[in-house]
Amino acid sequence: MSALEQPAPDASVTSSGRATPTDRVAESDLGFGTLVARESRKRFLNRDGTFNVRREGLSFWQSQSSYHYLLTMGWGKFLGYFIAWYVVANFLFACGYFLCGPLALTHGETTPGARFAQDFFFSVHTLATIGYGNVAPVTIAANVLVTIEALVGLLTFALIAGIVFARFSRPVPRIAFSEQGVIAPYRGVTAFMFRIVNQRSSELVDVAAKVLLIRRKNDGRHSDREFLQLDLERDRVAFFPLSWTVVHPIDEQSPLFGMTEEELRTCDTEFLILLDAFDETSAQTVHARSSYKGDEVLFGAKFATMFNPPSDDGILSVDIRKLHDVERVKV
């Protein structure tokens, strides 16, 4: 009986209260739920680790988390937002000083353009608490505006400093996954393999890998998905200085045993990859995840070596650019 023809689990409930096969399937759905597992037509996990689930029914403010957004966005966008806020804030306060009149500040300029430029740079000095002293507020309105701007500057820069500190202290692993998984001969059997490498100079230790197989049953009676954890030849490495090829041997106990390349694709197969590691630099546990769809797995291919010949000083090196390189082999 092939892997695609296995009968569906018995849905009966035992009087002893023990978990039935149906219960065990429900417990292994990883939290997606039976309805999502059955109805979803997209991959569960994108290559960058994000989930293909949309949550609706929340108001705009309920669904927003400014802190999380500022914490997880790229540095370029974060700095862009900060610069934009800085320019806009000073522009608005400059407009306020300008509306206070030509006598609101000392050494007031006569032409409107020169006055606005002076107001803008006075706002910069006030917001950043620089205070050169060559320009000062004179009228009550100008002093009130200075008080408001000083408070805004103190609070805003304190918040920005906290977010910048959190961004630096938050460990973000840069584990690169090979673009494709492969199925190739391995020690007398075939095996599903993918390759990972640490792109940062910081060291990761005690790296643990978990690989889960999601596929539709396609047994003629059900279109539900089943969630199966794959046994790995090695699910943990103590040190991760180079690269690691994660291997699932396809023996008689493997859910992939007997599956052809066509069956792998028609079953809407997806391999979910979950990684945990300890980052020595931050002394914190970090996580990474990705996935491979059936059409992202090559049959009859193996990974090309990433190792360069030892240098004159005897040190071995790995060429990260070869992470995705494969070679064709006979299955």
Protein backbone atom coordinates (compact mmCIF):
# COMPACT_ATOMS: atom_id res chain seq x y z
CA MET A 1 0.00 0.00 0.00
CA SER A 2 1.53 3.33 -1.03
CA ALA A 3 1.78 6.36 1.20
CA LEU A 4 -1.18 7.92 -0.62
CA GLU A 5 -3.51 4.99 -0.11
CA GLN A 6 -3.34 4.68 3.65
CA PRO A 7 -6.84 4.55 5.18
CA ALA A 8 -8.13 7.49 7.19
CA PRO A 9 -7.88 7.22 10.99
CA ASP A 10 -10.83 5.72 12.82
CA ALA A 11 -13.03 8.52 14.18
CA SER A 12 -14.52 6.41 17.01
CA VAL A 13 -14.04 7.38 20.65
CA THR A 14 -12.98 4.75 23.13
CA SER A 15 -14.93 4.27 26.34
CA SER A 16 -11.70 4.23 28.33
CA GLY A 17 -11.09 7.88 27.51
CA ARG A 18 -7.84 7.19 25.69
CA ALA A 19 -6.92 9.35 22.71
CA THR A 20 -8.14 7.89 19.43
CA PRO A 21 -6.21 8.23 16.16
CA THR A 22 -8.51 11.14 15.29
CA ASP A 23 -7.57 12.84 18.55
CA ARG A 24 -3.89 12.36 17.79
CA VAL A 25 -4.31 13.88 14.33
CA ALA A 26 -6.13 16.87 15.84
CA GLU A 27 -3.36 17.33 18.39
CA SER A 28 -0.70 17.35 15.66
CA ASP A 29 -2.15 20.16 13.53
CA LEU A 30 0.36 22.66 15.00
CA GLY A 31 -2.33 25.15 15.97
CA PHE A 32 -3.74 25.88 12.50
CA GLY A 33 -7.01 24.11 13.22
CA THR A 34 -8.94 21.56 11.20
CA LEU A 35 -10.85 24.10 9.08
CA VAL A 36 -7.74 26.01 8.05
CA ALA A 37 -5.89 22.79 7.36
CA ARG A 38 -8.69 21.61 5.08
CA GLU A 39 -9.63 24.83 3.28
CA SER A 40 -6.34 26.68 2.86
CA ARG A 41 -5.05 26.70 -0.72
CA LYS A 42 -1.77 28.49 0.03
CA ARG A 43 1.36 27.37 1.81
CA PHE A 44 1.11 27.60 5.57
CA LEU A 45 4.57 29.07 6.09
CA ASN A 46 6.31 31.45 3.70
CA ARG A 47 10.02 31.13 3.00
CA ASP A 48 10.73 34.12 5.24
CA GLY A 49 8.95 32.45 8.18
CA THR A 50 5.69 34.45 8.08
CA PHE A 51 2.31 32.71 8.20
CA ASN A 52 -0.35 32.89 5.48
CA VAL A 53 -3.22 33.68 7.84
CA ARG A 54 -5.20 36.93 7.81
CA ARG A 55 -6.99 38.08 10.97
CA GLU A 56 -10.08 40.21 10.42
CA GLY A 57 -12.80 41.72 12.58
CA LEU A 58 -10.51 44.02 14.58
CA SER A 59 -10.68 47.78 14.45
CA PHE A 60 -7.73 49.65 12.98
CA TRP A 61 -6.33 50.57 16.39
CA GLN A 62 -6.84 47.08 17.80
CA SER A 63 -4.89 45.54 14.95
CA GLN A 64 -1.99 47.99 15.17
CA SER A 65 1.07 47.68 17.38
CA SER A 66 3.35 50.64 16.79
CA TYR A 67 6.00 49.26 19.13
CA HIS A 68 6.11 45.89 17.37
CA TYR A 69 6.11 47.59 13.96
CA LEU A 70 9.01 49.90 14.87
CA LEU A 71 10.87 47.01 16.48
CA THR A 72 10.67 44.64 13.52
CA MET A 73 11.00 46.94 10.51
CA GLY A 74 14.30 47.26 8.68
CA TRP A 75 16.89 49.78 9.82
CA GLY A 76 16.58 51.80 6.62
CA LYS A 77 12.84 52.28 7.05
CA PHE A 78 13.24 52.98 10.78
CA LEU A 79 15.81 55.74 10.15
CA GLY A 80 13.64 57.10 7.33
CA TYR A 81 10.64 57.40 9.67
CA PHE A 82 12.79 59.08 12.33
CA ILE A 83 14.19 61.65 9.88
CA ALA A 84 10.71 62.33 8.48
CA TRP A 85 9.31 62.86 11.99
CA TYR A 86 12.21 65.17 12.88
CA VAL A 87 11.73 67.36 9.81
CA VAL A 88 7.93 67.47 10.06
CA ALA A 89 7.96 68.23 13.81
CA ASN A 90 10.37 71.13 13.37
CA PHE A 91 8.39 72.40 10.39
CA LEU A 92 5.15 72.44 12.39
CA PHE A 93 6.72 74.19 15.37
CA ALA A 94 8.38 76.68 12.99
CA CYS A 95 4.92 77.43 11.60
CA GLY A 96 3.75 78.05 15.18
CA TYR A 97 6.59 80.48 15.90
CA PHE A 98 5.98 82.24 12.58
CA LEU A 99 2.29 82.74 13.45
CA CYS A 100 3.29 84.24 16.80
CA GLY A 101 4.47 87.30 14.91
CA PRO A 102 7.75 89.02 13.94
CA LEU A 103 8.50 90.02 17.54
CA ALA A 104 8.05 86.54 19.04
CA LEU A 105 11.79 85.84 18.97
CA THR A 106 14.81 88.05 19.52
CA HIS A 107 16.90 89.04 16.49
CA GLY A 108 13.80 88.67 14.33
CA GLU A 109 14.36 88.80 10.59
CA THR A 110 12.36 91.19 8.45
CA THR A 111 11.49 89.17 5.31
CA PRO A 112 9.00 86.27 5.64
CA GLY A 113 11.44 83.73 4.18
CA ALA A 114 14.26 84.70 6.50
CA ARG A 115 11.87 84.75 9.48
CA PHE A 116 10.62 81.23 8.73
CA ALA A 117 14.19 79.92 8.35
CA GLN A 118 15.11 81.44 11.72
CA ASP A 119 11.97 79.95 13.29
CA PHE A 120 12.80 76.52 11.84
CA PHE A 121 16.36 76.44 13.18
CA PHE A 122 15.23 77.84 16.53
CA SER A 123 12.82 74.89 16.68
CA VAL A 124 15.70 72.50 15.94
CA HIS A 125 17.71 74.00 18.83
CA THR A 126 14.72 73.78 21.19
CA LEU A 127 13.60 70.26 20.22
CA ALA A 128 17.12 68.87 20.60
CA THR A 129 17.75 70.96 23.77
CA ILE A 130 20.81 72.57 22.18
CA GLY A 131 20.11 76.20 23.09
CA TYR A 132 22.89 78.36 21.64
CA GLY A 133 21.34 81.45 23.22
CA ASN A 134 21.55 83.80 20.23
CA VAL A 135 17.78 83.51 19.67
CA ALA A 136 15.27 83.47 22.54
CA PRO A 137 11.48 83.62 22.90
CA VAL A 138 10.04 87.01 23.84
CA THR A 139 6.26 86.88 23.87
CA ILE A 140 4.01 84.73 26.06
CA ALA A 141 2.81 82.75 23.03
CA ALA A 142 6.37 81.97 21.97
CA ASN A 143 7.34 80.87 25.50
CA VAL A 144 4.28 78.59 25.73
CA LEU A 145 5.23 77.02 22.40
CA VAL A 146 8.81 76.52 23.62
CA THR A 147 7.48 74.78 26.74
CA ILE A 148 5.34 72.43 24.64
CA GLU A 149 8.17 71.70 22.21
CA ALA A 150 10.66 71.00 25.01
CA LEU A 151 8.23 68.47 26.53
CA VAL A 152 7.58 66.84 23.15
CA GLY A 153 11.31 66.60 22.51
CA LEU A 154 12.11 65.02 25.88
CA LEU A 155 9.34 62.43 25.61
CA THR A 156 9.93 61.59 21.96
CA PHE A 157 13.69 61.20 22.22
CA ALA A 158 13.24 59.02 25.33
CA LEU A 159 10.87 56.75 23.40
CA ILE A 160 13.17 56.62 20.38
CA ALA A 161 16.17 55.83 22.57
CA GLY A 162 14.22 52.96 24.17
CA ILE A 163 13.20 51.54 20.79
CA VAL A 164 16.77 51.81 19.45
CA PHE A 165 18.08 50.00 22.54
CA ALA A 166 15.43 47.30 22.14
CA ARG A 167 16.34 46.87 18.47
CA PHE A 168 20.01 46.42 19.31
CA SER A 169 19.35 44.08 22.25
CA ARG A 170 16.82 41.94 20.35
CA PRO A 171 18.62 38.93 18.85
CA VAL A 172 17.65 38.33 15.23
CA PRO A 173 19.26 35.24 13.70
CA ARG A 174 20.30 35.30 10.08
CA ILE A 175 20.10 31.63 9.21
CA ALA A 176 20.01 31.13 5.46
CA PHE A 177 18.10 28.17 4.03
CA SER A 178 18.93 26.55 0.72
CA GLU A 179 16.54 27.66 -2.01
CA GLN A 180 15.45 24.07 -2.60
CA GLY A 181 15.29 20.83 -0.73
CA VAL A 182 16.57 17.67 -2.41
CA ILE A 183 15.73 13.98 -2.42
CA ALA A 184 18.76 11.88 -3.29
CA PRO A 185 20.46 8.58 -2.44
CA TYR A 186 21.87 8.55 1.06
CA ARG A 187 23.62 5.63 2.82
CA GLY A 188 21.74 2.88 1.04
CA VAL A 189 18.35 4.61 1.01
CA THR A 190 17.05 7.92 -0.23
CA ALA A 191 16.68 10.99 1.95
CA PHE A 192 15.03 14.39 2.03
CA MET A 193 17.66 17.06 2.71
CA PHE A 194 18.03 20.81 2.98
CA ARG A 195 20.99 22.94 3.98
CA ILE A 196 21.36 25.89 6.37
CA VAL A 197 24.19 28.26 7.26
CA ASN A 198 24.70 31.01 9.82
CA GLN A 199 25.24 34.33 8.02
CA ARG A 200 26.32 36.24 11.12
CA SER A 201 29.75 36.26 12.73
CA SER A 202 28.15 35.53 16.13
CA GLU A 203 28.23 31.91 17.20
CA LEU A 204 25.14 29.74 17.57
CA VAL A 205 25.28 26.68 19.81
CA ASP A 206 22.91 23.84 20.65
CA VAL A 207 21.00 24.21 17.38
CA ALA A 208 17.88 22.02 17.23
CA ALA A 209 15.86 21.28 14.09
CA LYS A 210 12.31 20.02 13.71
CA VAL A 211 10.83 19.09 10.33
CA LEU A 212 7.10 18.55 9.89
CA LEU A 213 5.36 17.21 6.80
CA ILE A 214 1.96 18.59 5.80
CA ARG A 215 0.04 16.87 3.00
CA ARG A 216 -3.50 16.11 1.92
CA LYS A 217 -4.70 12.58 2.53
CA ASN A 218 -6.27 12.17 -0.92
CA ASP A 219 -7.64 8.76 0.03
CA GLY A 220 -10.88 9.19 -1.91
CA ARG A 221 -12.91 10.07 1.18
CA HIS A 222 -11.09 12.99 2.81
CA SER A 223 -9.41 16.17 1.64
CA ASP A 224 -8.08 16.98 5.09
CA ARG A 225 -4.41 17.54 5.69
CA GLU A 226 -2.31 15.43 7.99
CA PHE A 227 0.60 16.74 10.02
CA LEU A 228 3.51 14.37 10.48
CA GLN A 229 6.81 14.93 12.22
CA LEU A 230 9.77 13.54 10.28
CA ASP A 231 12.54 11.67 12.06
CA LEU A 232 15.90 13.22 11.38
CA GLU A 233 19.23 11.47 11.20
CA ARG A 234 20.47 14.19 13.52
CA ASP A 235 18.07 16.71 15.04
CA ARG A 236 20.59 18.71 17.09
CA VAL A 237 24.17 19.95 16.76
CA ALA A 238 26.20 21.33 19.63
CA PHE A 239 28.16 23.77 17.45
CA PHE A 240 27.23 25.53 14.21
CA PRO A 241 30.36 27.26 12.86
CA LEU A 242 29.99 26.07 9.26
CA SER A 243 26.96 24.64 7.43
CA TRP A 244 24.51 21.88 8.37
CA THR A 245 22.70 19.58 5.97
CA VAL A 246 19.56 18.35 7.75
CA VAL A 247 18.69 14.81 6.64
CA HIS A 248 15.49 12.80 6.89
CA PRO A 249 16.18 9.19 5.77
CA ILE A 250 13.28 7.83 3.70
CA ASP A 251 13.11 4.29 5.06
CA GLU A 252 10.08 2.05 5.53
CA GLN A 253 8.98 4.02 8.59
CA SER A 254 9.06 7.36 6.75
CA PRO A 255 5.80 8.99 5.56
CA LEU A 256 7.64 9.71 2.30
CA PHE A 257 8.40 6.06 1.65
CA GLY A 258 7.16 5.07 -1.80
CA MET A 259 6.09 8.59 -2.81
CA THR A 260 6.97 9.65 -6.33
CA GLU A 261 7.81 13.15 -7.49
CA GLU A 262 4.33 13.52 -8.97
CA GLU A 263 2.65 12.36 -5.76
CA LEU A 264 4.72 14.84 -3.76
CA ARG A 265 3.23 17.67 -5.78
CA THR A 266 -0.36 16.45 -6.15
CA CYS A 267 -0.71 15.96 -2.38
CA ASP A 268 -0.05 19.68 -1.80
CA THR A 269 2.95 18.72 0.27
CA GLU A 270 4.76 21.23 2.45
CA PHE A 271 7.79 20.75 4.69
CA LEU A 272 7.79 23.06 7.73
CA ILE A 273 11.21 23.79 9.21
CA LEU A 274 11.55 25.01 12.81
CA LEU A 275 14.97 25.89 14.26
CA ASP A 276 15.97 26.83 17.81
CA ALA A 277 19.46 27.92 18.84
CA PHE A 278 21.33 29.71 21.60
CA ASP A 279 23.05 32.92 20.56
CA GLU A 280 26.27 33.32 22.55
CA THR A 281 26.53 37.07 21.88
CA SER A 282 23.12 37.98 23.28
CA ALA A 283 22.90 34.99 25.65
CA GLN A 284 19.35 34.38 24.42
CA THR A 285 17.48 31.69 22.55
CA VAL A 286 16.71 32.56 18.93
CA HIS A 287 14.30 30.99 16.47
CA ALA A 288 14.10 30.65 12.69
CA ARG A 289 11.56 28.97 10.44
CA SER A 290 10.92 28.36 6.77
CA SER A 291 9.23 25.85 4.50
CA TYR A 292 9.50 23.98 1.22
CA LYS A 293 6.57 23.16 -1.04
CA GLY A 294 6.56 19.97 -3.07
CA ASP A 295 7.63 21.80 -6.23
CA GLU A 296 10.59 23.28 -4.33
CA VAL A 297 12.08 19.83 -3.76
CA LEU A 298 14.40 18.40 -6.42
CA PHE A 299 14.45 14.67 -7.06
CA GLY A 300 17.76 13.15 -8.08
CA ALA A 301 19.95 15.99 -6.84
CA LYS A 302 22.47 16.46 -4.07
CA PHE A 303 24.10 19.52 -2.60
CA ALA A 304 27.50 20.49 -3.96
CA THR A 305 30.26 20.92 -1.43
CA MET A 306 30.66 24.34 0.15
CA PHE A 307 34.11 23.66 1.58
CA ASN A 308 37.22 25.22 0.09
CA PRO A 309 40.61 23.49 0.24
CA PRO A 310 42.53 24.32 3.43
CA SER A 311 44.63 27.47 3.21
CA ASP A 312 48.36 27.57 3.87
CA ASP A 313 47.73 28.02 7.57
CA GLY A 314 45.52 24.91 7.60
CA ILE A 315 42.21 26.70 8.29
CA LEU A 316 39.12 25.28 6.56
CA SER A 317 36.64 27.73 5.02
CA VAL A 318 33.08 27.59 3.72
CA ASP A 319 31.88 29.50 0.67
CA ILE A 320 28.42 30.80 1.60
CA ARG A 321 27.74 31.60 -2.06
CA LYS A 322 27.52 27.86 -2.76
CA LEU A 323 24.67 27.29 -0.30
CA HIS A 324 22.13 26.68 -3.08
CA ASP A 325 24.39 24.75 -5.50
CA VAL A 326 23.21 21.22 -6.39
CA GLU A 327 24.46 18.39 -8.56
CA ARG A 328 22.32 15.87 -10.41
CA VAL A 329 22.56 12.21 -9.39
CA LYS A 330 20.69 9.01 -10.21
CA VAL A 331 18.01 8.00 -7.72
